[in-house]
Amino acid sequence: MKLMRPWGRTLLLAVRPPLLPLLLLLGTGLGCPSDCLCWSPNRTVSCSSRGLESLPRGIPAGTRALDLSDNRLERLDWGPGRGLSRRLEELELGHNRLRELESGALERLQRLGLGHNLLRYLQPGTLRGLAALRSLELAGNPLLLLGDHTFRGLAALRTLSLGSPELAWAGLNQLTVRGAALTWPPGPALSPLLNLTALRLLAFPKAAALPGRPFQDLSRVRLLEIDSWASLAQLGPDCLQGLNLVWLSITRCNLSTVPYASLRTQAYLRFLNLSYNPISAIRGALLQHVTRLEELRLVGGRLRVIHDFAFRGLVYFRLLDVTANQLASLPAAAFHSLASLQSLGLGLNLLACDCRLLWIVRRRHRLLGPQPPTCTSPPSLRRRRLPEAAGSLPASTFSCRRPRIRDKRPQRLQAREGQTVTICCSADGQPPPLILWLNPRRQRLGHPEAGMSLPGAGMSLPGGLGLVSENLGLNPEDRGLLPGRPDPSLPPAPPLLSGPAVGRSRLLPDGSLQITSVRRMDSGTYRCVARNAGGNDTASASLQVRPLSLQELGLARRSDSRAKAGLRPGYPFDTHTLLVATTMGFASFFTVVSLCFTLLFIWSRASGPIKHNNIDVDFVPHAGGGGRGGDGDDAKFNMKVV
């Protein structure tokens, strides 16, 4: 006989057939509803699997546990005087058809099971009257949204399950949320859970990003797990703001890069797990803000390169697990200190066992775990386990061969403007060298990985360039700009290069440089540099770009027509046009001057004869030095005014 489902489990009470009618009679005598079974010693009433569409009448007033699971209830009104005992401590409503839940006031209710119903939304305040509630089951509901303050007033809540039942964690310092139909994690709805220390958000397939600050009120959370977010490709720079994490796991998502910006706020982070993400590179000097980091796991990704100084500043770093990736090597310069490194997982990678792994060979017994890596190159070490090869072969076996450019003869190329030019360069070496080109302006044009291992290569500059100050074994005057790295999330493609041929140059798979639509400014000497861990080799090529002739520019017909018209090169007019223009200019000048004199002559004639006015002026002359002036006569002169 099934009586109840306390804490999500069905209890069966073995009752002998002769005693069953007696028990039913006893339950009926105590006021048990006709569709239910009652057990008076435990104050338990079971109305499970009865096809009920509403709350049964006649539930004993002192009932402590009530099981209404597996029925057809679509709505439950559990307010005062609605038939539920105020002494009720356990209420199971799982596997019904509940679509909405009214506010209730059951002060003693400690466990509420609402799993596998049709609830899509919980109104804020619905659970406010359940002050003693310790366990809440919501698994299996198509919840679309948990509004703010959904759990306000549940001070005694210790167990909350929003996912499948097996994911519920004891104590509300740990919470597991399975997204299912949710498109967004219920961050604000969890803000009242001030004692939460561990949060697991599982299977949010529709969430493509995590922007904003969804966890800013969960300052006590120390563990955050994000798993199976199939569309999650980006974390906002402030998405972890407010958290003080010690353990962070973001697995089985779609991250293409390590979330460096998001980790800047996690100074206390010690354990980081980014496994099963399509991350292709760990860049240099960008994890130095998580100074307490001890362990990093990136298993089952697409990791191809770990740059030098990738773990700079991590003085406590002791474990790195990059099993099942695409790594060919792991530089010792990636670590802050090799002395602190205790465990290294390199299994199932495409390792080239050469001089770059010599530091691992010397410490293999301490570092390598139960799954040691296998060599894929050179051919002499292929398919041999690294510890075995290191134990049976001398250290000189793990060597690198300096690059050698196959054809170092100087190339002299000539091209017309607008043509496509290919400057050939290919090299051999072990490991396979990377090709780098230096253009006439001493800028480095080449494959993005050619400078990846250099600190500072990731410094952002316009055009996607990185400033490099270290010497690559080249002459000091060859130092310049190095192309930055492409977005690892994009498919591999010939990288665009920098310098005067921005957007018109690319590196071919064999190392040759191709420039489309060349211009005169592309003329000069180009240097090809082949580089690997064993050294470098160089070769040069000169390019001369000639301007297009008039015929090539399409101006030949125009020149012929001008010659037939009597035009000299450089003159826009013929002789006849110049003579006509000159004659018209002189004629206009003389016409204007003649008109002016004619008007003056007519005006003077119209004014009549000129009248002259005489003026007599008297004056006394100064006495002369010879004593003259005694004659007394006044001096006079006459003047005419016109």
Foldseek 3Di string as FASTA:
>chain_A
DWFAQPPNHTDDDDDDVVCVVVQQVVCVVQQAFPQWHADPVQLTIENAQSQDQADTARRDQQRAEYHHEHYAHAEYDAAPPPHHHLNHAYYAHYHYAHAAYAAYANARHAYYHHDQYAYAEYDQRSDQNPQNHAEYHHENYNHAAYDANNPPNNPNHFWYAQYPPVPIDGGQLAYEHEQVNYQDDHQRNCLVSANHAEYEYEHNQNHQEQEDASNQSNANHAYYEYYNNANHAYYYLCPPHNYAYQEYAHAQYAHQADHLSVCLVHCNHAYYEYEHYQHAEQAAPSNLSNQNHAEYEHEQYAHAYYAFNSAANNPQHAYYAHEQYAYQAYAPRNHNDPVNHFEYHHANYAYAQAPRCLVCLVVVVRYYDPRAHAYCDDPVRHRPGSNVCSVPDDSNVRHKFEKDKPDQPAAEAEEAFQAKDKADIAIDIVVGWFKWKQAQVLEIWGDQVNCRRAPQQADDDPPQKTAGDDDQQDDNVSHDIGHHDDRSVDDDDFDATDDPQGPQWTADPRGMIMGGRDDQVRFDKMKMWTDDPVGIDIHMYTYGYDYDDCVRVVCPVVVVVCVVVQDDPPDPDHPVVVVVVVVVVVVVVVVVVVVVVVVVVVVVVVVDDDDKDKDKDWDADDQDPVRDDPPPDIDIDMDIDD
